[in-house]
Amino acid sequence: MLLLLDENLPKRLKLDFPEHEIYKVRDKEWNGIKNGELLKLLIQNTLMHF
């Protein structure tokens, strides 16, 4: 499962999901982007990987 953690969540939260592919908004350089746009970016980028 792919998870995207919002920029206001602690980085260490990634450790709680060892079996998942997890990115923070900062990892993707999507800082400051609103939730609706984040969802669109995530969907676009996920579809590009298949």
PDB file of N, CA and C in Angstrom:
ATOM      1  N   MET A   1       0.846  -1.165   0.000  1.00  0.00           N
ATOM      2  CA  MET A   1       0.000   0.000   0.000  1.00  0.00           C
ATOM      3  C   MET A   1       0.894   1.231   0.000  1.00  0.00           C
ATOM      4  N   LEU A   2       0.514   2.211  -0.758  1.00  0.00           N
ATOM      5  CA  LEU A   2       1.222   3.476  -0.827  1.00  0.00           C
ATOM      6  C   LEU A   2       0.544   4.473   0.101  1.00  0.00           C
ATOM      7  N   LEU A   3       1.332   5.094   0.970  1.00  0.00           N
ATOM      8  CA  LEU A   3       0.810   6.096   1.899  1.00  0.00           C
ATOM      9  C   LEU A   3       1.556   7.406   1.699  1.00  0.00           C
ATOM     10  N   LEU A   4       0.827   8.504   1.778  1.00  0.00           N
ATOM     11  CA  LEU A   4       1.418   9.833   1.716  1.00  0.00           C
ATOM     12  C   LEU A   4       1.110  10.531   3.029  1.00  0.00           C
ATOM     13  N   LEU A   5       2.170  10.876   3.764  1.00  0.00           N
ATOM     14  CA  LEU A   5       1.989  11.561   5.044  1.00  0.00           C
ATOM     15  C   LEU A   5       2.072  13.063   4.842  1.00  0.00           C
ATOM     16  N   ASP A   6       1.115  13.776   5.374  1.00  0.00           N
ATOM     17  CA  ASP A   6       1.073  15.231   5.263  1.00  0.00           C
ATOM     18  C   ASP A   6       2.303  15.841   5.929  1.00  0.00           C
ATOM     19  N   GLU A   7       2.637  17.041   5.518  1.00  0.00           N
ATOM     20  CA  GLU A   7       3.860  17.686   5.996  1.00  0.00           C
ATOM     21  C   GLU A   7       3.849  18.021   7.490  1.00  0.00           C
ATOM     22  N   ASN A   8       2.693  18.046   8.118  1.00  0.00           N
ATOM     23  CA  ASN A   8       2.641  18.381   9.544  1.00  0.00           C
ATOM     24  C   ASN A   8       2.733  17.145  10.451  1.00  0.00           C
ATOM     25  N   LEU A   9       2.867  15.960   9.871  1.00  0.00           N
ATOM     26  CA  LEU A   9       2.997  14.737  10.664  1.00  0.00           C
ATOM     27  C   LEU A   9       4.466  14.443  10.954  1.00  0.00           C
ATOM     28  N   PRO A  10       4.746  13.824  12.111  1.00  0.00           N
ATOM     29  CA  PRO A  10       6.138  13.541  12.446  1.00  0.00           C
ATOM     30  C   PRO A  10       6.763  12.513  11.498  1.00  0.00           C
ATOM     31  N   LYS A  11       8.010  12.755  11.149  1.00  0.00           N
ATOM     32  CA  LYS A  11       8.750  11.898  10.228  1.00  0.00           C
ATOM     33  C   LYS A  11       8.809  10.445  10.719  1.00  0.00           C
ATOM     34  N   ARG A  12       8.936  10.260  12.017  1.00  0.00           N
ATOM     35  CA  ARG A  12       9.082   8.917  12.589  1.00  0.00           C
ATOM     36  C   ARG A  12       7.824   8.059  12.427  1.00  0.00           C
ATOM     37  N   LEU A  13       6.708   8.663  12.055  1.00  0.00           N
ATOM     38  CA  LEU A  13       5.477   7.915  11.844  1.00  0.00           C
ATOM     39  C   LEU A  13       5.658   6.864  10.743  1.00  0.00           C
ATOM     40  N   LYS A  14       6.590   7.126   9.809  1.00  0.00           N
ATOM     41  CA  LYS A  14       6.878   6.165   8.753  1.00  0.00           C
ATOM     42  C   LYS A  14       7.287   4.806   9.328  1.00  0.00           C
ATOM     43  N   LEU A  15       7.927   4.817  10.474  1.00  0.00           N
ATOM     44  CA  LEU A  15       8.402   3.582  11.094  1.00  0.00           C
ATOM     45  C   LEU A  15       7.270   2.680  11.577  1.00  0.00           C
ATOM     46  N   ASP A  16       6.096   3.240  11.765  1.00  0.00           N
ATOM     47  CA  ASP A  16       4.944   2.474  12.237  1.00  0.00           C
ATOM     48  C   ASP A  16       4.275   1.656  11.133  1.00  0.00           C
ATOM     49  N   PHE A  17       4.730   1.824   9.895  1.00  0.00           N
ATOM     50  CA  PHE A  17       4.137   1.124   8.749  1.00  0.00           C
ATOM     51  C   PHE A  17       5.226   0.448   7.913  1.00  0.00           C
ATOM     52  N   PRO A  18       5.961  -0.501   8.504  1.00  0.00           N
ATOM     53  CA  PRO A  18       7.120  -1.083   7.813  1.00  0.00           C
ATOM     54  C   PRO A  18       6.782  -1.861   6.535  1.00  0.00           C
ATOM     55  N   GLU A  19       5.565  -2.327   6.404  1.00  0.00           N
ATOM     56  CA  GLU A  19       5.202  -3.135   5.243  1.00  0.00           C
ATOM     57  C   GLU A  19       4.631  -2.311   4.090  1.00  0.00           C
ATOM     58  N   HIS A  20       4.639  -1.000   4.222  1.00  0.00           N
ATOM     59  CA  HIS A  20       4.039  -0.134   3.217  1.00  0.00           C
ATOM     60  C   HIS A  20       5.069   0.794   2.588  1.00  0.00           C
ATOM     61  N   GLU A  21       4.768   1.257   1.401  1.00  0.00           N
ATOM     62  CA  GLU A  21       5.586   2.260   0.727  1.00  0.00           C
ATOM     63  C   GLU A  21       5.076   3.618   1.191  1.00  0.00           C
ATOM     64  N   ILE A  22       5.918   4.345   1.922  1.00  0.00           N
ATOM     65  CA  ILE A  22       5.469   5.579   2.554  1.00  0.00           C
ATOM     66  C   ILE A  22       6.348   6.753   2.135  1.00  0.00           C
ATOM     67  N   TYR A  23       5.686   7.838   1.795  1.00  0.00           N
ATOM     68  CA  TYR A  23       6.370   9.079   1.459  1.00  0.00           C
ATOM     69  C   TYR A  23       5.758  10.196   2.275  1.00  0.00           C
ATOM     70  N   LYS A  24       6.578  11.177   2.598  1.00  0.00           N
ATOM     71  CA  LYS A  24       6.057  12.404   3.186  1.00  0.00           C
ATOM     72  C   LYS A  24       5.912  13.416   2.056  1.00  0.00           C
ATOM     73  N   VAL A  25       5.047  14.369   2.232  1.00  0.00           N
ATOM     74  CA  VAL A  25       4.852  15.425   1.249  1.00  0.00           C
ATOM     75  C   VAL A  25       6.211  16.051   0.916  1.00  0.00           C
ATOM     76  N   ARG A  26       7.033  16.221   1.921  1.00  0.00           N
ATOM     77  CA  ARG A  26       8.362  16.818   1.727  1.00  0.00           C
ATOM     78  C   ARG A  26       9.244  15.941   0.830  1.00  0.00           C
ATOM     79  N   ASP A  27       9.137  14.608   0.949  1.00  0.00           N
ATOM     80  CA  ASP A  27       9.912  13.688   0.105  1.00  0.00           C
ATOM     81  C   ASP A  27       9.638  13.925  -1.376  1.00  0.00           C
ATOM     82  N   LYS A  28       8.402  14.256  -1.689  1.00  0.00           N
ATOM     83  CA  LYS A  28       7.972  14.471  -3.072  1.00  0.00           C
ATOM     84  C   LYS A  28       8.125  15.934  -3.507  1.00  0.00           C
ATOM     85  N   GLU A  29       8.586  16.773  -2.580  1.00  0.00           N
ATOM     86  CA  GLU A  29       8.716  18.225  -2.821  1.00  0.00           C
ATOM     87  C   GLU A  29       7.378  18.867  -3.149  1.00  0.00           C
ATOM     88  N   TRP A  30       6.340  18.424  -2.414  1.00  0.00           N
ATOM     89  CA  TRP A  30       4.989  18.942  -2.598  1.00  0.00           C
ATOM     90  C   TRP A  30       4.569  19.824  -1.419  1.00  0.00           C
ATOM     91  N   ASN A  31       5.523  20.396  -0.728  1.00  0.00           N
ATOM     92  CA  ASN A  31       5.231  21.248   0.430  1.00  0.00           C
ATOM     93  C   ASN A  31       4.312  22.396   0.045  1.00  0.00           C
ATOM     94  N   GLY A  32       3.361  22.697   0.896  1.00  0.00           N
ATOM     95  CA  GLY A  32       2.477  23.838   0.696  1.00  0.00           C
ATOM     96  C   GLY A  32       1.322  23.596  -0.250  1.00  0.00           C
ATOM     97  N   ILE A  33       1.220  22.408  -0.808  1.00  0.00           N
ATOM     98  CA  ILE A  33       0.131  22.109  -1.734  1.00  0.00           C
ATOM     99  C   ILE A  33      -1.086  21.651  -0.929  1.00  0.00           C
ATOM    100  N   LYS A  34      -2.234  22.156  -1.278  1.00  0.00           N
ATOM    101  CA  LYS A  34      -3.482  21.835  -0.567  1.00  0.00           C
ATOM    102  C   LYS A  34      -3.913  20.385  -0.814  1.00  0.00           C
ATOM    103  N   ASN A  35      -4.732  19.840   0.086  1.00  0.00           N
ATOM    104  CA  ASN A  35      -5.112  18.426   0.052  1.00  0.00           C
ATOM    105  C   ASN A  35      -5.708  17.948  -1.268  1.00  0.00           C
ATOM    106  N   GLY A  36      -6.603  18.703  -1.860  1.00  0.00           N
ATOM    107  CA  GLY A  36      -7.207  18.291  -3.132  1.00  0.00           C
ATOM    108  C   GLY A  36      -6.161  18.133  -4.223  1.00  0.00           C
ATOM    109  N   GLU A  37      -5.247  19.087  -4.289  1.00  0.00           N
ATOM    110  CA  GLU A  37      -4.168  19.029  -5.276  1.00  0.00           C
ATOM    111  C   GLU A  37      -3.197  17.898  -4.943  1.00  0.00           C
ATOM    112  N   LEU A  38      -2.949  17.673  -3.649  1.00  0.00           N
ATOM    113  CA  LEU A  38      -2.078  16.556  -3.241  1.00  0.00           C
ATOM    114  C   LEU A  38      -2.642  15.225  -3.723  1.00  0.00           C
ATOM    115  N   LEU A  39      -3.929  15.064  -3.580  1.00  0.00           N
ATOM    116  CA  LEU A  39      -4.575  13.826  -4.016  1.00  0.00           C
ATOM    117  C   LEU A  39      -4.419  13.642  -5.528  1.00  0.00           C
ATOM    118  N   LYS A  40      -4.599  14.704  -6.282  1.00  0.00           N
ATOM    119  CA  LYS A  40      -4.426  14.628  -7.738  1.00  0.00           C
ATOM    120  C   LYS A  40      -2.992  14.248  -8.103  1.00  0.00           C
ATOM    121  N   LEU A  41      -2.021  14.882  -7.445  1.00  0.00           N
ATOM    122  CA  LEU A  41      -0.617  14.574  -7.713  1.00  0.00           C
ATOM    123  C   LEU A  41      -0.287  13.128  -7.367  1.00  0.00           C
ATOM    124  N   LEU A  42      -0.798  12.665  -6.240  1.00  0.00           N
ATOM    125  CA  LEU A  42      -0.550  11.288  -5.812  1.00  0.00           C
ATOM    126  C   LEU A  42      -1.116  10.304  -6.826  1.00  0.00           C
ATOM    127  N   ILE A  43      -2.331  10.548  -7.286  1.00  0.00           N
ATOM    128  CA  ILE A  43      -2.962   9.657  -8.271  1.00  0.00           C
ATOM    129  C   ILE A  43      -2.159   9.677  -9.578  1.00  0.00           C
ATOM    130  N   GLN A  44      -1.803  10.837 -10.053  1.00  0.00           N
ATOM    131  CA  GLN A  44      -1.028  10.947 -11.293  1.00  0.00           C
ATOM    132  C   GLN A  44       0.304  10.216 -11.179  1.00  0.00           C
ATOM    133  N   ASN A  45       0.995  10.409 -10.071  1.00  0.00           N
ATOM    134  CA  ASN A  45       2.314   9.795  -9.886  1.00  0.00           C
ATOM    135  C   ASN A  45       2.212   8.295  -9.658  1.00  0.00           C
ATOM    136  N   THR A  46       1.147   7.839  -9.033  1.00  0.00           N
ATOM    137  CA  THR A  46       0.956   6.407  -8.808  1.00  0.00           C
ATOM    138  C   THR A  46       0.669   5.715 -10.127  1.00  0.00           C
ATOM    139  N   LEU A  47      -0.164   6.303 -10.954  1.00  0.00           N
ATOM    140  CA  LEU A  47      -0.507   5.710 -12.242  1.00  0.00           C
ATOM    141  C   LEU A  47       0.707   5.648 -13.152  1.00  0.00           C
ATOM    142  N   MET A  48       1.635   6.556 -13.009  1.00  0.00           N
ATOM    143  CA  MET A  48       2.841   6.574 -13.842  1.00  0.00           C
ATOM    144  C   MET A  48       3.756   5.403 -13.513  1.00  0.00           C
ATOM    145  N   HIS A  49       3.638   4.836 -12.315  1.00  0.00           N
ATOM    146  CA  HIS A  49       4.497   3.723 -11.903  1.00  0.00           C
ATOM    147  C   HIS A  49       4.009   2.375 -12.384  1.00  0.00           C
ATOM    148  N   PHE A  50       2.803   2.305 -12.959  1.00  0.00           N
ATOM    149  CA  PHE A  50       2.254   1.024 -13.412  1.00  0.00           C
ATOM    150  C   PHE A  50       2.301   0.892 -14.900  1.00  0.00           C
TER     151      PHE A  50
END
